[in-house]
N, C-alpha and C. Protein backbone atom coordinates (compact mmCIF):
# COMPACT_ATOMS: atom_id res chain seq x y z
N MET A 1 -95.16 -155.92 125.68
CA MET A 1 -95.88 -155.39 126.83
C MET A 1 -96.53 -154.05 126.46
N LYS A 2 -97.77 -153.90 126.86
CA LYS A 2 -98.48 -152.65 126.57
C LYS A 2 -97.95 -151.52 127.44
N ASN A 3 -98.00 -150.34 126.88
CA ASN A 3 -97.64 -149.17 127.68
C ASN A 3 -98.81 -148.83 128.59
N LYS A 4 -98.52 -148.68 129.86
CA LYS A 4 -99.55 -148.29 130.81
C LYS A 4 -99.78 -146.78 130.70
N ILE A 5 -101.00 -146.37 130.95
CA ILE A 5 -101.38 -144.96 130.88
C ILE A 5 -101.36 -144.42 132.30
N PRO A 6 -100.43 -143.49 132.62
CA PRO A 6 -100.41 -142.95 133.99
C PRO A 6 -101.66 -142.12 134.24
N MET A 7 -102.20 -142.28 135.45
CA MET A 7 -103.45 -141.61 135.78
C MET A 7 -103.52 -141.39 137.29
N THR A 8 -104.04 -140.27 137.70
CA THR A 8 -104.24 -140.02 139.13
C THR A 8 -105.53 -140.72 139.56
N ILE A 9 -105.71 -140.86 140.87
CA ILE A 9 -106.94 -141.47 141.39
C ILE A 9 -108.15 -140.63 140.97
N LYS A 10 -108.01 -139.32 141.02
CA LYS A 10 -109.09 -138.42 140.62
C LYS A 10 -109.44 -138.62 139.15
N GLY A 11 -108.43 -138.79 138.31
CA GLY A 11 -108.65 -139.02 136.89
C GLY A 11 -109.37 -140.33 136.63
N GLU A 12 -108.99 -141.38 137.37
CA GLU A 12 -109.66 -142.68 137.22
C GLU A 12 -111.13 -142.57 137.63
N LYS A 13 -111.40 -141.90 138.75
CA LYS A 13 -112.78 -141.76 139.22
C LYS A 13 -113.62 -140.99 138.19
N LYS A 14 -113.04 -139.95 137.61
CA LYS A 14 -113.75 -139.16 136.61
C LYS A 14 -114.10 -140.01 135.38
N LEU A 15 -113.13 -140.83 134.93
CA LEU A 15 -113.39 -141.70 133.78
C LEU A 15 -114.46 -142.74 134.10
N ARG A 16 -114.40 -143.33 135.29
CA ARG A 16 -115.40 -144.34 135.68
C ARG A 16 -116.80 -143.71 135.75
N LYS A 17 -116.87 -142.49 136.25
CA LYS A 17 -118.15 -141.79 136.33
C LYS A 17 -118.70 -141.52 134.92
N GLU A 18 -117.82 -141.08 134.02
CA GLU A 18 -118.23 -140.81 132.64
C GLU A 18 -118.68 -142.11 131.95
N LEU A 19 -117.94 -143.19 132.17
CA LEU A 19 -118.29 -144.49 131.58
C LEU A 19 -119.65 -144.96 132.08
N ASN A 20 -119.89 -144.82 133.36
CA ASN A 20 -121.17 -145.20 133.96
C ASN A 20 -122.32 -144.40 133.34
N LYS A 21 -122.11 -143.10 133.17
CA LYS A 21 -123.14 -142.24 132.58
C LYS A 21 -123.41 -142.65 131.13
N LEU A 22 -122.34 -142.91 130.37
CA LEU A 22 -122.51 -143.32 128.97
C LEU A 22 -123.28 -144.63 128.86
N LYS A 23 -122.92 -145.61 129.70
CA LYS A 23 -123.53 -146.94 129.61
C LYS A 23 -124.96 -146.98 130.18
N ASN A 24 -125.19 -146.27 131.26
CA ASN A 24 -126.46 -146.41 131.98
C ASN A 24 -127.47 -145.30 131.76
N ILE A 25 -127.06 -144.18 131.19
CA ILE A 25 -128.00 -143.08 130.96
C ILE A 25 -128.08 -142.75 129.47
N ILE A 26 -126.92 -142.44 128.88
CA ILE A 26 -126.92 -141.97 127.48
C ILE A 26 -127.25 -143.09 126.50
N ARG A 27 -126.60 -144.24 126.65
CA ARG A 27 -126.85 -145.36 125.73
C ARG A 27 -128.33 -145.75 125.71
N PRO A 28 -129.00 -145.96 126.86
CA PRO A 28 -130.42 -146.31 126.83
C PRO A 28 -131.30 -145.23 126.17
N LYS A 29 -130.96 -143.95 126.37
CA LYS A 29 -131.71 -142.88 125.72
C LYS A 29 -131.57 -142.96 124.20
N ILE A 30 -130.36 -143.25 123.73
CA ILE A 30 -130.12 -143.36 122.28
C ILE A 30 -130.90 -144.54 121.71
N ILE A 31 -130.86 -145.67 122.41
CA ILE A 31 -131.59 -146.85 121.95
C ILE A 31 -133.09 -146.54 121.86
N SER A 32 -133.58 -145.83 122.85
CA SER A 32 -134.99 -145.43 122.84
C SER A 32 -135.29 -144.51 121.66
N SER A 33 -134.39 -143.58 121.37
CA SER A 33 -134.56 -142.66 120.23
C SER A 33 -134.57 -143.41 118.91
N ILE A 34 -133.70 -144.42 118.79
CA ILE A 34 -133.65 -145.22 117.57
C ILE A 34 -134.96 -145.99 117.39
N SER A 35 -135.45 -146.60 118.47
CA SER A 35 -136.72 -147.34 118.40
C SER A 35 -137.87 -146.43 118.00
N GLU A 36 -137.89 -145.26 118.60
CA GLU A 36 -138.95 -144.28 118.30
C GLU A 36 -138.89 -143.85 116.83
N ALA A 37 -137.69 -143.59 116.35
CA ALA A 37 -137.51 -143.14 114.96
C ALA A 37 -137.88 -144.25 113.99
N ARG A 38 -137.58 -145.51 114.32
CA ARG A 38 -137.96 -146.64 113.47
C ARG A 38 -139.47 -146.74 113.31
N ALA A 39 -140.17 -146.41 114.36
CA ALA A 39 -141.63 -146.50 114.35
C ALA A 39 -142.25 -145.51 113.36
N HIS A 40 -141.49 -144.54 112.94
CA HIS A 40 -142.01 -143.53 112.02
C HIS A 40 -141.99 -143.98 110.57
N GLY A 41 -141.49 -145.20 110.34
CA GLY A 41 -141.56 -145.73 108.98
C GLY A 41 -140.26 -145.68 108.22
N ASP A 42 -140.33 -145.29 106.95
CA ASP A 42 -139.22 -145.31 105.99
C ASP A 42 -137.93 -144.75 106.59
N LEU A 43 -136.92 -145.61 106.69
CA LEU A 43 -135.66 -145.21 107.34
C LEU A 43 -134.75 -144.42 106.42
N LYS A 44 -134.94 -144.54 105.09
CA LYS A 44 -134.06 -143.85 104.13
C LYS A 44 -134.11 -142.34 104.31
N GLU A 45 -135.29 -141.81 104.56
CA GLU A 45 -135.44 -140.35 104.67
C GLU A 45 -135.82 -139.94 106.09
N ASN A 46 -135.42 -140.73 107.06
CA ASN A 46 -135.78 -140.48 108.44
C ASN A 46 -134.58 -139.82 109.16
N ALA A 47 -134.61 -138.51 109.23
CA ALA A 47 -133.49 -137.75 109.80
C ALA A 47 -133.27 -138.09 111.28
N GLU A 48 -134.35 -138.30 112.02
CA GLU A 48 -134.22 -138.63 113.45
C GLU A 48 -133.48 -139.95 113.63
N TYR A 49 -133.81 -140.92 112.78
CA TYR A 49 -133.16 -142.23 112.86
C TYR A 49 -131.67 -142.11 112.57
N HIS A 50 -131.32 -141.41 111.51
CA HIS A 50 -129.91 -141.26 111.13
C HIS A 50 -129.12 -140.48 112.19
N ALA A 51 -129.75 -139.47 112.77
CA ALA A 51 -129.08 -138.69 113.82
C ALA A 51 -128.85 -139.57 115.06
N ALA A 52 -129.85 -140.37 115.41
CA ALA A 52 -129.72 -141.25 116.57
C ALA A 52 -128.65 -142.32 116.33
N LYS A 53 -128.60 -142.87 115.12
CA LYS A 53 -127.58 -143.88 114.80
C LYS A 53 -126.17 -143.26 114.86
N GLU A 54 -126.05 -142.03 114.38
CA GLU A 54 -124.76 -141.33 114.43
C GLU A 54 -124.35 -141.10 115.89
N GLU A 55 -125.31 -140.68 116.70
CA GLU A 55 -125.05 -140.45 118.12
C GLU A 55 -124.66 -141.77 118.81
N GLN A 56 -125.30 -142.86 118.40
CA GLN A 56 -124.98 -144.18 118.96
C GLN A 56 -123.53 -144.55 118.63
N GLY A 57 -123.11 -144.31 117.42
CA GLY A 57 -121.73 -144.61 117.03
C GLY A 57 -120.73 -143.82 117.84
N PHE A 58 -121.03 -142.53 118.05
CA PHE A 58 -120.15 -141.68 118.86
C PHE A 58 -120.08 -142.22 120.28
N CYS A 59 -121.24 -142.56 120.85
CA CYS A 59 -121.31 -143.06 122.23
C CYS A 59 -120.51 -144.35 122.38
N GLU A 60 -120.69 -145.28 121.45
CA GLU A 60 -119.99 -146.56 121.52
C GLU A 60 -118.48 -146.39 121.38
N ARG A 61 -118.04 -145.48 120.52
CA ARG A 61 -116.60 -145.21 120.39
C ARG A 61 -116.04 -144.63 121.68
N LYS A 62 -116.80 -143.73 122.30
CA LYS A 62 -116.35 -143.12 123.55
C LYS A 62 -116.27 -144.17 124.66
N ILE A 63 -117.24 -145.08 124.71
CA ILE A 63 -117.21 -146.16 125.70
C ILE A 63 -115.97 -147.02 125.49
N GLN A 64 -115.69 -147.39 124.25
CA GLN A 64 -114.51 -148.20 123.95
C GLN A 64 -113.22 -147.48 124.35
N GLU A 65 -113.16 -146.20 124.06
CA GLU A 65 -111.97 -145.40 124.39
C GLU A 65 -111.73 -145.38 125.90
N ILE A 66 -112.79 -145.13 126.66
CA ILE A 66 -112.66 -145.06 128.12
C ILE A 66 -112.31 -146.43 128.68
N GLU A 67 -112.95 -147.49 128.18
CA GLU A 67 -112.64 -148.84 128.66
C GLU A 67 -111.18 -149.19 128.37
N TYR A 68 -110.67 -148.79 127.21
CA TYR A 68 -109.27 -149.02 126.88
C TYR A 68 -108.36 -148.28 127.88
N GLN A 69 -108.67 -147.01 128.12
CA GLN A 69 -107.84 -146.22 129.05
C GLN A 69 -107.84 -146.84 130.44
N LEU A 70 -109.02 -147.26 130.91
CA LEU A 70 -109.10 -147.84 132.25
C LEU A 70 -108.40 -149.19 132.33
N SER A 71 -108.51 -149.99 131.27
CA SER A 71 -107.87 -151.31 131.30
C SER A 71 -106.35 -151.20 131.21
N ASN A 72 -105.85 -150.10 130.71
CA ASN A 72 -104.41 -149.89 130.60
C ASN A 72 -103.89 -148.84 131.58
N ALA A 73 -104.72 -148.48 132.55
CA ALA A 73 -104.35 -147.42 133.48
C ALA A 73 -103.32 -147.90 134.50
N ASN A 74 -102.39 -147.03 134.79
CA ASN A 74 -101.46 -147.21 135.90
C ASN A 74 -101.84 -146.10 136.89
N VAL A 75 -102.77 -146.44 137.79
CA VAL A 75 -103.30 -145.43 138.72
C VAL A 75 -102.28 -145.21 139.82
N ILE A 76 -101.90 -143.95 139.97
CA ILE A 76 -100.85 -143.58 140.93
C ILE A 76 -101.46 -142.73 142.03
N ASP A 77 -101.33 -143.22 143.26
CA ASP A 77 -101.79 -142.49 144.44
C ASP A 77 -100.59 -141.79 145.05
N VAL A 78 -100.42 -140.52 144.71
CA VAL A 78 -99.23 -139.79 145.16
C VAL A 78 -99.20 -139.59 146.67
N THR A 79 -100.37 -139.67 147.31
CA THR A 79 -100.39 -139.47 148.77
C THR A 79 -99.74 -140.66 149.49
N LYS A 80 -99.59 -141.79 148.80
CA LYS A 80 -99.00 -142.97 149.43
C LYS A 80 -97.56 -143.23 148.99
N MET A 81 -97.03 -142.35 148.17
CA MET A 81 -95.66 -142.53 147.71
C MET A 81 -94.70 -141.84 148.68
N SER A 82 -93.49 -142.35 148.73
CA SER A 82 -92.51 -141.72 149.62
C SER A 82 -92.20 -140.33 149.08
N MET A 83 -92.18 -139.41 149.95
CA MET A 83 -91.95 -138.01 149.55
C MET A 83 -90.45 -137.75 149.50
N ASN A 84 -89.92 -137.75 148.29
CA ASN A 84 -88.48 -137.55 148.14
C ASN A 84 -88.14 -136.10 147.82
N LYS A 85 -89.12 -135.23 148.00
CA LYS A 85 -88.92 -133.79 147.79
C LYS A 85 -88.59 -133.44 146.35
N LYS A 86 -88.90 -134.35 145.42
CA LYS A 86 -88.70 -134.08 144.00
C LYS A 86 -90.05 -134.09 143.30
N ILE A 87 -90.09 -133.43 142.17
CA ILE A 87 -91.31 -133.39 141.37
C ILE A 87 -91.41 -134.68 140.56
N PHE A 88 -92.57 -135.33 140.65
CA PHE A 88 -92.84 -136.50 139.85
C PHE A 88 -94.33 -136.51 139.49
N PHE A 89 -94.76 -137.52 138.74
CA PHE A 89 -96.15 -137.60 138.30
C PHE A 89 -97.09 -137.43 139.49
N GLY A 90 -98.10 -136.58 139.31
CA GLY A 90 -99.11 -136.37 140.34
C GLY A 90 -98.79 -135.22 141.29
N ALA A 91 -97.56 -134.77 141.30
CA ALA A 91 -97.18 -133.68 142.21
C ALA A 91 -97.85 -132.37 141.79
N THR A 92 -98.15 -131.56 142.79
CA THR A 92 -98.65 -130.21 142.56
C THR A 92 -97.50 -129.27 142.90
N VAL A 93 -97.21 -128.36 141.97
CA VAL A 93 -96.04 -127.50 142.14
C VAL A 93 -96.42 -126.03 142.04
N ASP A 94 -95.79 -125.22 142.88
CA ASP A 94 -95.88 -123.77 142.77
C ASP A 94 -94.55 -123.33 142.17
N ILE A 95 -94.63 -122.60 141.07
CA ILE A 95 -93.42 -122.15 140.38
C ILE A 95 -93.48 -120.65 140.13
N LEU A 96 -92.32 -120.05 140.12
CA LEU A 96 -92.19 -118.62 139.87
C LEU A 96 -91.58 -118.43 138.49
N ASN A 97 -92.28 -117.70 137.63
CA ASN A 97 -91.71 -117.32 136.34
C ASN A 97 -90.72 -116.20 136.64
N VAL A 98 -89.45 -116.49 136.49
CA VAL A 98 -88.39 -115.56 136.87
C VAL A 98 -88.46 -114.26 136.06
N GLN A 99 -88.81 -114.37 134.76
CA GLN A 99 -88.86 -113.19 133.91
C GLN A 99 -90.04 -112.27 134.26
N SER A 100 -91.22 -112.85 134.48
CA SER A 100 -92.41 -112.01 134.70
C SER A 100 -92.75 -111.85 136.18
N ASP A 101 -92.05 -112.57 137.05
CA ASP A 101 -92.27 -112.52 138.49
C ASP A 101 -93.68 -112.99 138.86
N SER A 102 -94.28 -113.86 138.04
CA SER A 102 -95.62 -114.37 138.34
C SER A 102 -95.52 -115.81 138.85
N ILE A 103 -96.42 -116.14 139.78
CA ILE A 103 -96.43 -117.46 140.38
C ILE A 103 -97.57 -118.27 139.78
N HIS A 104 -97.29 -119.54 139.48
CA HIS A 104 -98.29 -120.44 138.90
C HIS A 104 -98.29 -121.74 139.69
N THR A 105 -99.45 -122.38 139.77
CA THR A 105 -99.57 -123.68 140.41
C THR A 105 -100.11 -124.66 139.39
N TYR A 106 -99.45 -125.81 139.26
CA TYR A 106 -99.86 -126.85 138.33
C TYR A 106 -99.79 -128.21 139.00
N GLN A 107 -100.65 -129.11 138.55
CA GLN A 107 -100.53 -130.51 138.93
C GLN A 107 -100.15 -131.29 137.67
N ILE A 108 -99.23 -132.22 137.80
CA ILE A 108 -98.79 -133.03 136.67
C ILE A 108 -99.65 -134.29 136.65
N VAL A 109 -100.38 -134.47 135.54
CA VAL A 109 -101.36 -135.55 135.42
C VAL A 109 -101.16 -136.30 134.10
N GLY A 110 -101.98 -137.33 133.89
CA GLY A 110 -101.94 -138.09 132.64
C GLY A 110 -102.53 -137.29 131.49
N ASP A 111 -102.24 -137.74 130.28
CA ASP A 111 -102.72 -137.05 129.08
C ASP A 111 -104.23 -136.85 129.07
N ASN A 112 -104.96 -137.89 129.48
CA ASN A 112 -106.43 -137.81 129.42
C ASN A 112 -107.01 -136.89 130.49
N GLU A 113 -106.22 -136.51 131.48
CA GLU A 113 -106.70 -135.63 132.55
C GLU A 113 -106.31 -134.17 132.33
N ALA A 114 -105.36 -133.94 131.45
CA ALA A 114 -104.80 -132.60 131.28
C ALA A 114 -105.86 -131.59 130.89
N ASN A 115 -105.81 -130.43 131.54
CA ASN A 115 -106.72 -129.32 131.27
C ASN A 115 -106.02 -128.06 131.76
N PHE A 116 -105.42 -127.34 130.83
CA PHE A 116 -104.60 -126.19 131.22
C PHE A 116 -105.40 -125.14 131.98
N LYS A 117 -106.67 -124.96 131.61
CA LYS A 117 -107.50 -123.97 132.31
C LYS A 117 -107.69 -124.33 133.78
N LYS A 118 -107.64 -125.63 134.09
CA LYS A 118 -107.78 -126.09 135.47
C LYS A 118 -106.42 -126.33 136.12
N LYS A 119 -105.36 -125.89 135.45
CA LYS A 119 -103.98 -125.99 135.96
C LYS A 119 -103.53 -127.45 136.08
N LEU A 120 -104.03 -128.31 135.20
CA LEU A 120 -103.63 -129.71 135.13
C LEU A 120 -102.82 -129.89 133.86
N ILE A 121 -101.52 -130.17 134.01
CA ILE A 121 -100.66 -130.29 132.82
C ILE A 121 -100.26 -131.75 132.60
N SER A 122 -100.20 -132.13 131.34
CA SER A 122 -99.86 -133.49 130.95
C SER A 122 -98.42 -133.82 131.29
N ILE A 123 -98.22 -135.05 131.75
CA ILE A 123 -96.88 -135.56 132.03
C ILE A 123 -95.99 -135.47 130.79
N ASN A 124 -96.61 -135.46 129.61
CA ASN A 124 -95.85 -135.42 128.36
C ASN A 124 -95.65 -134.01 127.81
N SER A 125 -96.15 -133.00 128.52
CA SER A 125 -95.99 -131.62 128.04
C SER A 125 -94.56 -131.15 128.29
N PRO A 126 -94.10 -130.18 127.49
CA PRO A 126 -92.75 -129.65 127.72
C PRO A 126 -92.58 -129.09 129.14
N MET A 127 -93.64 -128.47 129.67
CA MET A 127 -93.58 -127.91 131.02
C MET A 127 -93.32 -129.02 132.04
N ALA A 128 -94.12 -130.08 131.99
CA ALA A 128 -93.96 -131.17 132.96
C ALA A 128 -92.61 -131.86 132.79
N ARG A 129 -92.21 -132.11 131.56
CA ARG A 129 -90.92 -132.76 131.32
C ARG A 129 -89.77 -131.93 131.90
N GLY A 130 -89.91 -130.61 131.84
CA GLY A 130 -88.87 -129.74 132.38
C GLY A 130 -88.87 -129.67 133.90
N LEU A 131 -90.01 -129.99 134.52
CA LEU A 131 -90.13 -129.91 135.97
C LEU A 131 -89.79 -131.23 136.67
N ILE A 132 -90.04 -132.35 136.00
CA ILE A 132 -89.82 -133.66 136.61
C ILE A 132 -88.38 -133.78 137.14
N GLY A 133 -88.29 -134.25 138.38
CA GLY A 133 -86.97 -134.46 139.00
C GLY A 133 -86.41 -133.25 139.72
N LYS A 134 -87.03 -132.10 139.54
CA LYS A 134 -86.53 -130.88 140.20
C LYS A 134 -86.96 -130.85 141.67
N LYS A 135 -86.21 -130.09 142.48
CA LYS A 135 -86.50 -129.92 143.90
C LYS A 135 -86.78 -128.44 144.18
N ILE A 136 -87.22 -128.15 145.37
CA ILE A 136 -87.48 -126.77 145.78
C ILE A 136 -86.21 -125.94 145.60
N ASN A 137 -86.37 -124.75 145.07
CA ASN A 137 -85.32 -123.77 144.77
C ASN A 137 -84.53 -124.08 143.50
N ASP A 138 -84.79 -125.24 142.86
CA ASP A 138 -84.15 -125.52 141.57
C ASP A 138 -84.74 -124.60 140.51
N LEU A 139 -83.98 -124.38 139.46
CA LEU A 139 -84.47 -123.64 138.30
C LEU A 139 -84.77 -124.62 137.18
N ALA A 140 -85.88 -124.39 136.50
CA ALA A 140 -86.25 -125.21 135.34
C ALA A 140 -86.36 -124.27 134.15
N ILE A 141 -85.66 -124.60 133.09
CA ILE A 141 -85.74 -123.80 131.87
C ILE A 141 -86.63 -124.56 130.89
N ILE A 142 -87.76 -123.96 130.57
CA ILE A 142 -88.77 -124.60 129.72
C ILE A 142 -88.76 -123.92 128.35
N LYS A 143 -88.59 -124.73 127.32
CA LYS A 143 -88.63 -124.20 125.95
C LYS A 143 -90.08 -124.05 125.53
N THR A 144 -90.44 -122.84 125.12
CA THR A 144 -91.80 -122.55 124.66
C THR A 144 -91.72 -122.00 123.23
N PRO A 145 -92.86 -121.89 122.56
CA PRO A 145 -92.84 -121.35 121.19
C PRO A 145 -92.26 -119.94 121.11
N VAL A 146 -92.32 -119.18 122.20
CA VAL A 146 -91.80 -117.82 122.18
C VAL A 146 -90.40 -117.71 122.79
N GLY A 147 -89.78 -118.86 123.05
CA GLY A 147 -88.44 -118.86 123.62
C GLY A 147 -88.40 -119.58 124.96
N SER A 148 -87.23 -119.62 125.56
CA SER A 148 -87.06 -120.31 126.84
C SER A 148 -87.54 -119.44 127.99
N VAL A 149 -88.21 -120.09 128.95
CA VAL A 149 -88.71 -119.41 130.14
C VAL A 149 -88.12 -120.11 131.36
N THR A 150 -87.60 -119.34 132.31
CA THR A 150 -87.01 -119.90 133.51
C THR A 150 -87.99 -119.82 134.66
N TYR A 151 -88.17 -120.96 135.33
CA TYR A 151 -89.06 -121.05 136.49
C TYR A 151 -88.25 -121.50 137.70
N LYS A 152 -88.58 -120.95 138.85
CA LYS A 152 -87.99 -121.38 140.11
C LYS A 152 -89.03 -122.19 140.86
N ILE A 153 -88.64 -123.35 141.38
CA ILE A 153 -89.56 -124.22 142.10
C ILE A 153 -89.72 -123.66 143.51
N LEU A 154 -90.95 -123.30 143.88
CA LEU A 154 -91.21 -122.72 145.19
C LEU A 154 -91.75 -123.74 146.19
N LYS A 155 -92.63 -124.63 145.71
CA LYS A 155 -93.30 -125.56 146.63
C LYS A 155 -93.69 -126.81 145.85
N ILE A 156 -93.58 -127.96 146.50
CA ILE A 156 -93.99 -129.24 145.91
C ILE A 156 -94.90 -129.92 146.92
N THR A 157 -96.10 -130.29 146.49
CA THR A 157 -97.00 -131.03 147.38
C THR A 157 -97.50 -132.28 146.65
N TYR A 158 -97.88 -133.26 147.43
CA TYR A 158 -98.36 -134.53 146.89
C TYR A 158 -99.76 -134.76 147.47
N ILE A 159 -100.76 -134.21 146.78
CA ILE A 159 -102.13 -134.27 147.28
C ILE A 159 -103.05 -135.00 146.31
């Protein structure tokens, strides 16, 4: 049995939008560029042709990658799950770094959705693994490259 790729509804929509753009906008532009470059004659020394073919290869690999992710996606709608007051995939959590007294908010998402700058952490990250299963007021000790950091769970939402 194949491993399903956990994904939020937002993550699935983003991938479908990207796939649509690649197939219906970018791919036709590349094909047009290749045709145009071919019209210029000798392909051996035709830099435009080789650049367009390289871009086509990149585009086709990206399409295959996204199609694979979508075909193996386990899309999880956290708004429809029973709220057991525990942290699980898709939950958004407010946590307090006990040492620095700073508060952070993260959403636990699939690997392909993770973006630390946008406060989206991968389900497979040490941070998410340390938070899964915790409840409000629980402490989570997360091992980081600079040592262990203790976080207190302040709020859990399923949005």
